Amino acid sequence: MTEKVIPFKSNYGDRSTVGAIYREAAMKNTDTHVTNGDLTNELMSSLVCDLNDTIVSKPFVDKDYYITVHEKKDLQMPRCILRRMLTSLHRPYPEDDTLVYKIMQKGSDVRFCWCLPHWSEMDNMLANEDLFDKNMINEIKSWKRLDLHPFGFRKDMMGNWEANPFFEDKKLGEQLVKFSLITA
């Protein structure tokens, strides 16, 4: 008598779970090592696809909302990068290792809010300020001293942080990431 294997299904859509997909891919792969290469093109193009899919899904019908992108390496799946696309009606609190966009439904406009690296990378970036975008360095400094003004927050009468309704996020064309190359 053979047992029928029931595939693990995701709670979010009609697909297998991430673990089941990863396990199947790992079993097909016979390589014993991983060759590191430039993942930038693949990650950026898939980020654009994921952002577009999230925007098209219209999670809040005709209301403005925020998309928080969180990417991380998974310790149980060393050859995998996990990306979460979290949507919210309210401005999210700036956390490390997040990329945040504001989606404005009325004008079909996408605005850039912020991009913060993982906390373990921040000190190295601050020690080498000349190699990174000045705006990113200033945001890291603000975040480390708990100054949330550059992230679209203000203090209320009680001294608590609240979203600033008058804050204007950057248009995508205005937010260009600049890299400095080290040449020998």
N, C-alpha and C. Protein backbone atom coordinates (compact mmCIF):
# COMPACT_ATOMS: atom_id res chain seq x y z
N MET A 1 0.85 -1.18 0.00
CA MET A 1 0.00 0.00 0.00
C MET A 1 0.89 1.24 0.00
N THR A 2 0.64 2.13 -0.92
CA THR A 2 1.43 3.36 -0.99
C THR A 2 0.60 4.52 -0.46
N GLU A 3 1.31 5.39 0.25
CA GLU A 3 0.64 6.58 0.78
C GLU A 3 0.67 7.68 -0.27
N LYS A 4 -0.41 8.39 -0.36
CA LYS A 4 -0.47 9.51 -1.29
C LYS A 4 0.11 10.75 -0.60
N VAL A 5 1.08 11.37 -1.25
CA VAL A 5 1.71 12.56 -0.70
C VAL A 5 0.84 13.77 -1.04
N ILE A 6 0.44 14.49 -0.01
CA ILE A 6 -0.37 15.69 -0.20
C ILE A 6 0.57 16.89 -0.24
N PRO A 7 0.60 17.62 -1.36
CA PRO A 7 1.50 18.77 -1.44
C PRO A 7 1.05 19.88 -0.49
N PHE A 8 2.03 20.57 0.06
CA PHE A 8 1.72 21.68 0.94
C PHE A 8 1.24 22.86 0.10
N LYS A 9 0.11 23.43 0.46
CA LYS A 9 -0.46 24.55 -0.28
C LYS A 9 -0.36 25.82 0.56
N SER A 10 -0.12 26.92 -0.12
CA SER A 10 -0.01 28.21 0.53
C SER A 10 -1.40 28.71 0.95
N ASN A 11 -1.43 29.48 2.02
CA ASN A 11 -2.68 30.13 2.44
C ASN A 11 -2.97 31.37 1.59
N TYR A 12 -1.97 31.79 0.79
CA TYR A 12 -2.09 33.01 0.00
C TYR A 12 -2.06 32.68 -1.47
N GLY A 13 -3.12 32.21 -2.01
CA GLY A 13 -3.18 31.90 -3.43
C GLY A 13 -3.12 30.41 -3.69
N ASP A 14 -3.27 30.05 -4.94
CA ASP A 14 -3.30 28.64 -5.33
C ASP A 14 -1.90 28.22 -5.80
N ARG A 15 -1.02 28.04 -4.85
CA ARG A 15 0.34 27.61 -5.15
C ARG A 15 0.87 26.80 -3.98
N SER A 16 2.01 26.14 -4.20
CA SER A 16 2.67 25.43 -3.11
C SER A 16 3.28 26.43 -2.15
N THR A 17 3.62 25.98 -0.96
CA THR A 17 4.28 26.87 -0.01
C THR A 17 5.69 27.17 -0.49
N VAL A 18 6.28 28.22 0.05
CA VAL A 18 7.64 28.59 -0.32
C VAL A 18 8.60 27.45 0.02
N GLY A 19 8.40 26.83 1.16
CA GLY A 19 9.26 25.71 1.57
C GLY A 19 9.17 24.55 0.59
N ALA A 20 7.98 24.24 0.12
CA ALA A 20 7.80 23.14 -0.83
C ALA A 20 8.45 23.47 -2.18
N ILE A 21 8.31 24.71 -2.63
CA ILE A 21 8.95 25.14 -3.88
C ILE A 21 10.46 25.06 -3.74
N TYR A 22 10.98 25.55 -2.61
CA TYR A 22 12.43 25.54 -2.38
C TYR A 22 12.96 24.11 -2.31
N ARG A 23 12.24 23.24 -1.60
CA ARG A 23 12.66 21.84 -1.46
C ARG A 23 12.72 21.15 -2.82
N GLU A 24 11.71 21.39 -3.65
CA GLU A 24 11.68 20.78 -4.98
C GLU A 24 12.84 21.27 -5.84
N ALA A 25 13.11 22.57 -5.78
CA ALA A 25 14.23 23.13 -6.55
C ALA A 25 15.57 22.61 -6.03
N ALA A 26 15.70 22.48 -4.72
CA ALA A 26 16.95 21.98 -4.13
C ALA A 26 17.19 20.52 -4.49
N MET A 27 16.12 19.72 -4.58
CA MET A 27 16.28 18.31 -4.92
C MET A 27 16.69 18.13 -6.38
N LYS A 28 16.24 19.05 -7.25
CA LYS A 28 16.60 18.98 -8.67
C LYS A 28 18.03 19.48 -8.90
N ASN A 29 18.53 20.32 -8.02
CA ASN A 29 19.84 20.93 -8.18
C ASN A 29 20.91 19.99 -7.63
N THR A 30 21.88 19.63 -8.45
CA THR A 30 22.93 18.71 -8.01
C THR A 30 24.23 19.44 -7.70
N ASP A 31 24.26 20.77 -7.84
CA ASP A 31 25.48 21.52 -7.53
C ASP A 31 25.76 21.46 -6.04
N THR A 32 27.04 21.36 -5.70
CA THR A 32 27.41 21.32 -4.29
C THR A 32 27.86 22.68 -3.78
N HIS A 33 27.97 23.65 -4.67
CA HIS A 33 28.37 24.99 -4.26
C HIS A 33 27.54 26.02 -5.03
N VAL A 34 27.58 27.23 -4.52
CA VAL A 34 26.86 28.33 -5.14
C VAL A 34 27.87 29.32 -5.68
N THR A 35 27.69 29.73 -6.91
CA THR A 35 28.55 30.75 -7.51
C THR A 35 27.87 32.09 -7.30
N ASN A 36 28.54 32.96 -6.57
CA ASN A 36 27.99 34.30 -6.34
C ASN A 36 28.22 35.16 -7.55
N GLY A 37 27.22 35.87 -7.94
CA GLY A 37 27.33 36.78 -9.07
C GLY A 37 26.57 38.04 -8.79
N ASP A 38 26.33 38.79 -9.82
CA ASP A 38 25.59 40.03 -9.68
C ASP A 38 24.10 39.72 -9.69
N LEU A 39 23.48 39.85 -8.55
CA LEU A 39 22.05 39.61 -8.43
C LEU A 39 21.23 40.87 -8.64
N THR A 40 21.89 42.00 -8.81
CA THR A 40 21.20 43.29 -8.88
C THR A 40 20.14 43.31 -9.97
N ASN A 41 20.49 42.90 -11.19
CA ASN A 41 19.51 42.94 -12.28
C ASN A 41 18.31 42.07 -11.98
N GLU A 42 18.54 40.86 -11.50
CA GLU A 42 17.43 39.95 -11.21
C GLU A 42 16.57 40.47 -10.07
N LEU A 43 17.19 40.96 -9.01
CA LEU A 43 16.42 41.47 -7.88
C LEU A 43 15.64 42.72 -8.25
N MET A 44 16.24 43.62 -9.01
CA MET A 44 15.54 44.85 -9.38
C MET A 44 14.39 44.58 -10.34
N SER A 45 14.61 43.72 -11.34
CA SER A 45 13.52 43.45 -12.29
C SER A 45 12.38 42.71 -11.60
N SER A 46 12.69 41.79 -10.69
CA SER A 46 11.61 41.09 -10.00
C SER A 46 10.93 42.02 -8.99
N LEU A 47 11.67 43.00 -8.44
CA LEU A 47 11.04 43.98 -7.54
C LEU A 47 10.02 44.81 -8.31
N VAL A 48 10.38 45.24 -9.51
CA VAL A 48 9.44 46.02 -10.32
C VAL A 48 8.19 45.19 -10.62
N CYS A 49 8.37 43.91 -10.96
CA CYS A 49 7.22 43.03 -11.23
C CYS A 49 6.36 42.88 -9.98
N ASP A 50 7.00 42.66 -8.82
CA ASP A 50 6.25 42.50 -7.58
C ASP A 50 5.51 43.79 -7.19
N LEU A 51 6.14 44.94 -7.38
CA LEU A 51 5.48 46.21 -7.11
C LEU A 51 4.27 46.40 -8.03
N ASN A 52 4.46 46.12 -9.31
CA ASN A 52 3.35 46.25 -10.26
C ASN A 52 2.21 45.31 -9.91
N ASP A 53 2.53 44.06 -9.56
CA ASP A 53 1.49 43.10 -9.17
C ASP A 53 0.72 43.58 -7.94
N THR A 54 1.45 44.15 -6.98
CA THR A 54 0.81 44.65 -5.76
C THR A 54 -0.08 45.85 -6.07
N ILE A 55 0.39 46.74 -6.93
CA ILE A 55 -0.40 47.93 -7.29
C ILE A 55 -1.65 47.52 -8.07
N VAL A 56 -1.51 46.60 -9.02
CA VAL A 56 -2.64 46.15 -9.83
C VAL A 56 -3.70 45.45 -8.98
N SER A 57 -3.27 44.80 -7.89
CA SER A 57 -4.24 44.09 -7.04
C SER A 57 -5.17 45.04 -6.29
N LYS A 58 -4.83 46.34 -6.26
CA LYS A 58 -5.65 47.37 -5.59
C LYS A 58 -6.16 46.89 -4.23
N PRO A 59 -5.25 46.71 -3.27
CA PRO A 59 -5.65 46.16 -1.97
C PRO A 59 -6.62 47.05 -1.19
N PHE A 60 -6.62 48.35 -1.45
CA PHE A 60 -7.50 49.26 -0.71
C PHE A 60 -8.40 50.05 -1.65
N VAL A 61 -8.83 49.45 -2.73
CA VAL A 61 -9.72 50.01 -3.74
C VAL A 61 -9.23 51.39 -4.20
N ASP A 62 -9.86 52.46 -3.79
CA ASP A 62 -9.50 53.79 -4.30
C ASP A 62 -8.84 54.68 -3.25
N LYS A 63 -8.18 54.09 -2.26
CA LYS A 63 -7.52 54.86 -1.22
C LYS A 63 -6.01 54.84 -1.44
N ASP A 64 -5.34 55.92 -1.02
CA ASP A 64 -3.89 55.94 -1.04
C ASP A 64 -3.39 54.93 0.00
N TYR A 65 -2.27 54.29 -0.29
CA TYR A 65 -1.72 53.31 0.65
C TYR A 65 -0.22 53.20 0.48
N TYR A 66 0.40 52.44 1.35
CA TYR A 66 1.85 52.27 1.36
C TYR A 66 2.20 50.82 1.10
N ILE A 67 3.31 50.63 0.38
CA ILE A 67 3.86 49.29 0.19
C ILE A 67 5.22 49.27 0.87
N THR A 68 5.38 48.37 1.81
CA THR A 68 6.66 48.17 2.49
C THR A 68 7.28 46.90 1.93
N VAL A 69 8.48 47.03 1.39
CA VAL A 69 9.20 45.89 0.84
C VAL A 69 10.25 45.48 1.85
N HIS A 70 10.21 44.21 2.24
CA HIS A 70 11.19 43.68 3.19
C HIS A 70 11.84 42.46 2.55
N GLU A 71 13.15 42.53 2.35
CA GLU A 71 13.89 41.41 1.77
C GLU A 71 14.90 40.91 2.79
N LYS A 72 15.06 39.60 2.85
CA LYS A 72 16.05 39.04 3.77
C LYS A 72 16.47 37.66 3.29
N LYS A 73 17.62 37.24 3.76
CA LYS A 73 18.06 35.87 3.50
C LYS A 73 17.43 34.98 4.56
N ASP A 74 17.04 33.82 4.15
CA ASP A 74 16.41 32.89 5.06
C ASP A 74 17.47 31.89 5.54
N LEU A 75 17.61 31.72 6.85
CA LEU A 75 18.64 30.83 7.40
C LEU A 75 18.37 29.37 7.06
N GLN A 76 17.12 28.99 6.89
CA GLN A 76 16.80 27.61 6.57
C GLN A 76 16.86 27.34 5.07
N MET A 77 16.86 28.40 4.29
CA MET A 77 16.97 28.27 2.83
C MET A 77 18.12 29.16 2.36
N PRO A 78 19.37 28.69 2.47
CA PRO A 78 20.52 29.56 2.22
C PRO A 78 20.64 30.06 0.79
N ARG A 79 19.98 29.46 -0.16
CA ARG A 79 20.05 29.91 -1.55
C ARG A 79 18.80 30.71 -1.94
N CYS A 80 18.13 31.24 -0.97
CA CYS A 80 16.85 31.91 -1.23
C CYS A 80 16.85 33.30 -0.59
N ILE A 81 16.26 34.26 -1.26
CA ILE A 81 16.03 35.58 -0.69
C ILE A 81 14.53 35.77 -0.59
N LEU A 82 14.06 36.00 0.62
CA LEU A 82 12.64 36.15 0.89
C LEU A 82 12.26 37.63 0.72
N ARG A 83 11.21 37.89 -0.05
CA ARG A 83 10.71 39.25 -0.24
C ARG A 83 9.25 39.29 0.18
N ARG A 84 8.94 40.20 1.09
CA ARG A 84 7.56 40.41 1.50
C ARG A 84 7.10 41.77 1.01
N MET A 85 5.88 41.80 0.47
CA MET A 85 5.27 43.04 0.02
C MET A 85 4.09 43.31 0.98
N LEU A 86 4.30 44.21 1.93
CA LEU A 86 3.28 44.50 2.94
C LEU A 86 2.57 45.80 2.58
N THR A 87 1.25 45.78 2.63
CA THR A 87 0.48 46.99 2.31
C THR A 87 -0.21 47.50 3.56
N SER A 88 -0.31 48.83 3.66
CA SER A 88 -0.99 49.43 4.81
C SER A 88 -1.60 50.77 4.40
N LEU A 89 -2.68 51.12 5.05
CA LEU A 89 -3.33 52.41 4.78
C LEU A 89 -2.59 53.56 5.45
N HIS A 90 -1.93 53.25 6.56
CA HIS A 90 -1.24 54.28 7.33
C HIS A 90 0.26 54.22 7.10
N ARG A 91 0.90 55.36 7.22
CA ARG A 91 2.35 55.45 7.00
C ARG A 91 3.06 54.51 7.98
N PRO A 92 3.88 53.60 7.47
CA PRO A 92 4.56 52.67 8.38
C PRO A 92 5.68 53.36 9.14
N TYR A 93 6.00 52.81 10.30
CA TYR A 93 7.13 53.29 11.09
C TYR A 93 8.41 52.90 10.37
N PRO A 94 9.38 53.80 10.25
CA PRO A 94 10.62 53.44 9.54
C PRO A 94 11.43 52.40 10.31
N GLU A 95 11.58 51.25 9.73
CA GLU A 95 12.38 50.17 10.32
C GLU A 95 13.56 49.89 9.42
N ASP A 96 14.60 49.32 10.00
CA ASP A 96 15.76 48.98 9.18
C ASP A 96 15.37 47.88 8.20
N ASP A 97 16.12 47.79 7.13
CA ASP A 97 15.94 46.76 6.11
C ASP A 97 14.58 46.84 5.42
N THR A 98 14.09 48.07 5.20
CA THR A 98 12.82 48.25 4.51
C THR A 98 12.94 49.27 3.39
N LEU A 99 12.10 49.09 2.41
CA LEU A 99 11.96 49.99 1.28
C LEU A 99 10.48 50.32 1.21
N VAL A 100 10.12 51.61 1.22
CA VAL A 100 8.71 51.99 1.32
C VAL A 100 8.31 52.92 0.18
N TYR A 101 7.15 52.62 -0.41
CA TYR A 101 6.56 53.43 -1.47
C TYR A 101 5.16 53.85 -1.05
N LYS A 102 4.74 55.03 -1.50
CA LYS A 102 3.36 55.48 -1.30
C LYS A 102 2.66 55.41 -2.66
N ILE A 103 1.51 54.77 -2.69
CA ILE A 103 0.73 54.64 -3.91
C ILE A 103 -0.45 55.61 -3.81
N MET A 104 -0.50 56.55 -4.74
CA MET A 104 -1.56 57.56 -4.74
C MET A 104 -2.54 57.18 -5.84
N GLN A 105 -3.71 56.72 -5.44
CA GLN A 105 -4.69 56.18 -6.37
C GLN A 105 -5.28 57.24 -7.30
N LYS A 106 -5.49 58.44 -6.80
CA LYS A 106 -6.16 59.46 -7.61
C LYS A 106 -5.37 59.82 -8.85
N GLY A 107 -4.07 59.95 -8.71
CA GLY A 107 -3.26 60.32 -9.87
C GLY A 107 -2.48 59.15 -10.43
N SER A 108 -2.74 57.96 -9.95
CA SER A 108 -1.99 56.77 -10.35
C SER A 108 -0.49 57.05 -10.25
N ASP A 109 -0.09 57.63 -9.13
CA ASP A 109 1.28 58.06 -8.90
C ASP A 109 1.93 57.18 -7.84
N VAL A 110 3.21 56.87 -8.03
CA VAL A 110 3.98 56.12 -7.05
C VAL A 110 5.07 57.03 -6.53
N ARG A 111 5.15 57.15 -5.21
CA ARG A 111 6.14 58.01 -4.57
C ARG A 111 7.11 57.17 -3.75
N PHE A 112 8.37 57.58 -3.73
CA PHE A 112 9.39 56.92 -2.93
C PHE A 112 9.41 57.55 -1.54
N CYS A 113 9.31 56.71 -0.50
CA CYS A 113 9.35 57.23 0.87
C CYS A 113 10.76 57.11 1.46
N TRP A 114 11.27 55.89 1.57
CA TRP A 114 12.63 55.71 2.08
C TRP A 114 13.11 54.29 1.81
N CYS A 115 14.42 54.15 1.94
CA CYS A 115 15.08 52.86 1.83
C CYS A 115 16.15 52.82 2.91
N LEU A 116 15.95 51.98 3.92
CA LEU A 116 16.92 51.85 5.00
C LEU A 116 17.59 50.48 4.93
N PRO A 117 18.92 50.44 5.06
CA PRO A 117 19.61 49.15 5.05
C PRO A 117 19.43 48.43 6.39
N HIS A 118 19.90 47.21 6.45
CA HIS A 118 19.87 46.43 7.70
C HIS A 118 20.75 47.14 8.73
N TRP A 119 20.36 47.08 10.00
CA TRP A 119 21.09 47.81 11.03
C TRP A 119 22.56 47.39 11.09
N SER A 120 22.87 46.14 10.75
CA SER A 120 24.26 45.67 10.82
C SER A 120 25.13 46.30 9.73
N GLU A 121 24.53 46.88 8.70
CA GLU A 121 25.28 47.51 7.62
C GLU A 121 25.47 49.02 7.85
N MET A 122 24.66 49.59 8.73
CA MET A 122 24.64 51.04 8.88
C MET A 122 25.97 51.62 9.35
N ASP A 123 26.62 51.02 10.35
CA ASP A 123 27.87 51.57 10.88
C ASP A 123 28.96 51.55 9.82
N ASN A 124 29.01 50.49 9.02
CA ASN A 124 30.01 50.41 7.95
C ASN A 124 29.75 51.51 6.91
N MET A 125 28.48 51.75 6.60
CA MET A 125 28.14 52.81 5.65
C MET A 125 28.52 54.18 6.20
N LEU A 126 28.28 54.39 7.50
CA LEU A 126 28.62 55.68 8.10
C LEU A 126 30.13 55.88 8.18
N ALA A 127 30.87 54.79 8.34
CA ALA A 127 32.33 54.87 8.38
C ALA A 127 32.92 55.16 7.00
N ASN A 128 32.14 54.91 5.96
CA ASN A 128 32.59 55.12 4.58
C ASN A 128 31.59 56.00 3.83
N GLU A 129 31.25 57.12 4.41
CA GLU A 129 30.20 58.00 3.88
C GLU A 129 30.42 58.39 2.42
N ASP A 130 31.66 58.57 2.02
CA ASP A 130 31.94 59.04 0.66
C ASP A 130 31.56 58.04 -0.41
N LEU A 131 31.36 56.78 -0.03
CA LEU A 131 31.02 55.74 -1.00
C LEU A 131 29.53 55.60 -1.25
N PHE A 132 28.71 56.32 -0.46
CA PHE A 132 27.26 56.13 -0.54
C PHE A 132 26.56 57.45 -0.80
N ASP A 133 25.32 57.34 -1.24
CA ASP A 133 24.49 58.50 -1.52
C ASP A 133 24.33 59.35 -0.26
N LYS A 134 24.51 60.65 -0.40
CA LYS A 134 24.45 61.57 0.74
C LYS A 134 23.07 61.54 1.41
N ASN A 135 21.99 61.44 0.61
CA ASN A 135 20.64 61.40 1.19
C ASN A 135 20.44 60.15 2.05
N MET A 136 20.97 59.00 1.58
CA MET A 136 20.84 57.77 2.35
C MET A 136 21.62 57.88 3.66
N ILE A 137 22.81 58.46 3.61
CA ILE A 137 23.62 58.63 4.83
C ILE A 137 22.89 59.53 5.82
N ASN A 138 22.28 60.62 5.33
CA ASN A 138 21.53 61.52 6.22
C ASN A 138 20.32 60.82 6.83
N GLU A 139 19.63 59.97 6.06
CA GLU A 139 18.49 59.23 6.61
C GLU A 139 18.95 58.22 7.67
N ILE A 140 20.08 57.58 7.44
CA ILE A 140 20.61 56.63 8.43
C ILE A 140 20.95 57.37 9.73
N LYS A 141 21.61 58.52 9.61
CA LYS A 141 21.94 59.31 10.80
C LYS A 141 20.68 59.72 11.55
N SER A 142 19.66 60.17 10.81
CA SER A 142 18.39 60.56 11.45
C SER A 142 17.75 59.37 12.15
N TRP A 143 17.74 58.22 11.48
CA TRP A 143 17.12 57.02 12.05
C TRP A 143 17.84 56.60 13.32
N LYS A 144 19.17 56.67 13.32
CA LYS A 144 19.95 56.24 14.50
C LYS A 144 19.71 57.18 15.69
N ARG A 145 19.45 58.45 15.43
CA ARG A 145 19.20 59.37 16.56
C ARG A 145 17.69 59.52 16.83
N LEU A 146 16.89 58.64 16.23
CA LEU A 146 15.43 58.60 16.42
C LEU A 146 14.74 59.90 15.99
N ASP A 147 15.26 60.53 14.97
CA ASP A 147 14.64 61.71 14.38
C ASP A 147 13.85 61.25 13.16
N LEU A 148 12.53 61.24 13.26
CA LEU A 148 11.69 60.69 12.20
C LEU A 148 11.15 61.76 11.23
N HIS A 149 11.58 63.00 11.38
CA HIS A 149 11.13 64.06 10.47
C HIS A 149 11.41 63.74 9.00
N PRO A 150 12.62 63.26 8.64
CA PRO A 150 12.88 62.97 7.21
C PRO A 150 12.04 61.81 6.65
N PHE A 151 11.37 61.07 7.52
CA PHE A 151 10.56 59.94 7.10
C PHE A 151 9.07 60.27 7.04
N GLY A 152 8.74 61.57 7.18
CA GLY A 152 7.35 62.00 7.06
C GLY A 152 6.56 61.96 8.36
N PHE A 153 7.24 62.13 9.48
CA PHE A 153 6.57 62.16 10.78
C PHE A 153 6.81 63.50 11.45
N ARG A 154 5.97 63.82 12.41
CA ARG A 154 6.13 65.01 13.23
C ARG A 154 5.70 64.67 14.65
N LYS A 155 6.04 65.55 15.57
CA LYS A 155 5.66 65.33 16.97
C LYS A 155 4.29 65.98 17.22
N ASP A 156 3.42 65.27 17.94
CA ASP A 156 2.14 65.86 18.30
C ASP A 156 2.32 66.69 19.58
N MET A 157 1.24 67.22 20.13
CA MET A 157 1.32 68.09 21.31
C MET A 157 1.85 67.36 22.54
N MET A 158 1.71 66.05 22.55
CA MET A 158 2.20 65.26 23.69
C MET A 158 3.64 64.79 23.49
N GLY A 159 4.21 65.08 22.34
CA GLY A 159 5.59 64.67 22.07
C GLY A 159 5.70 63.30 21.42
N ASN A 160 4.58 62.73 20.99
CA ASN A 160 4.59 61.44 20.32
C ASN A 160 4.70 61.64 18.81
N TRP A 161 5.30 60.68 18.13
CA TRP A 161 5.44 60.75 16.68
C TRP A 161 4.12 60.40 16.01
N GLU A 162 3.76 61.19 14.99
CA GLU A 162 2.58 60.91 14.18
C GLU A 162 2.92 61.24 12.72
N ALA A 163 2.17 60.65 11.80
CA ALA A 163 2.40 60.93 10.38
C ALA A 163 2.10 62.40 10.10
N ASN A 164 2.96 63.04 9.33
CA ASN A 164 2.79 64.43 8.96
C ASN A 164 1.97 64.50 7.67
N PRO A 165 0.71 64.98 7.73
CA PRO A 165 -0.13 65.00 6.53
C PRO A 165 0.36 65.97 5.45
N PHE A 166 1.28 66.88 5.79
CA PHE A 166 1.78 67.86 4.84
C PHE A 166 3.11 67.44 4.20
N PHE A 167 3.61 66.29 4.59
CA PHE A 167 4.90 65.82 4.08
C PHE A 167 4.74 65.32 2.65
N GLU A 168 5.65 65.73 1.78
CA GLU A 168 5.63 65.31 0.38
C GLU A 168 6.73 64.28 0.15
N ASP A 169 6.35 63.06 -0.23
CA ASP A 169 7.34 62.05 -0.58
C ASP A 169 7.93 62.37 -1.95
N LYS A 170 9.06 61.76 -2.25
CA LYS A 170 9.78 62.06 -3.49
C LYS A 170 9.15 61.36 -4.69
N LYS A 171 9.06 62.05 -5.79
CA LYS A 171 8.64 61.41 -7.03
C LYS A 171 9.75 60.46 -7.45
N LEU A 172 9.39 59.39 -8.13
CA LEU A 172 10.39 58.39 -8.48
C LEU A 172 11.54 58.94 -9.30
N GLY A 173 11.29 59.88 -10.19
CA GLY A 173 12.35 60.47 -10.99
C GLY A 173 13.34 61.29 -10.18
N GLU A 174 12.89 61.79 -9.02
CA GLU A 174 13.75 62.62 -8.18
C GLU A 174 14.68 61.78 -7.31
N GLN A 175 14.36 60.53 -7.13
CA GLN A 175 15.14 59.68 -6.24
C GLN A 175 16.03 58.76 -7.06
N LEU A 176 17.21 59.22 -7.37
CA LEU A 176 18.16 58.41 -8.12
C LEU A 176 19.26 57.97 -7.16
N VAL A 177 19.58 56.70 -7.18
CA VAL A 177 20.63 56.17 -6.31
C VAL A 177 21.96 56.35 -7.02
N LYS A 178 22.90 56.93 -6.32
CA LYS A 178 24.21 57.17 -6.89
C LYS A 178 25.22 56.25 -6.21
N PHE A 179 26.05 55.59 -7.00
CA PHE A 179 27.08 54.72 -6.47
C PHE A 179 28.44 55.32 -6.76
N SER A 180 29.36 55.13 -5.85
CA SER A 180 30.74 55.54 -6.06
C SER A 180 31.57 54.28 -6.29
N LEU A 181 32.34 54.29 -7.36
CA LEU A 181 33.19 53.14 -7.66
C LEU A 181 34.57 53.37 -7.10
N ILE A 182 35.15 52.31 -6.56
CA ILE A 182 36.52 52.37 -6.06
C ILE A 182 37.42 51.84 -7.16
N THR A 183 38.35 52.65 -7.59
CA THR A 183 39.29 52.20 -8.62
C THR A 183 40.70 52.20 -8.03
N ALA A 184 41.48 51.22 -8.42
CA ALA A 184 42.83 51.09 -7.88
C ALA A 184 43.81 51.94 -8.65
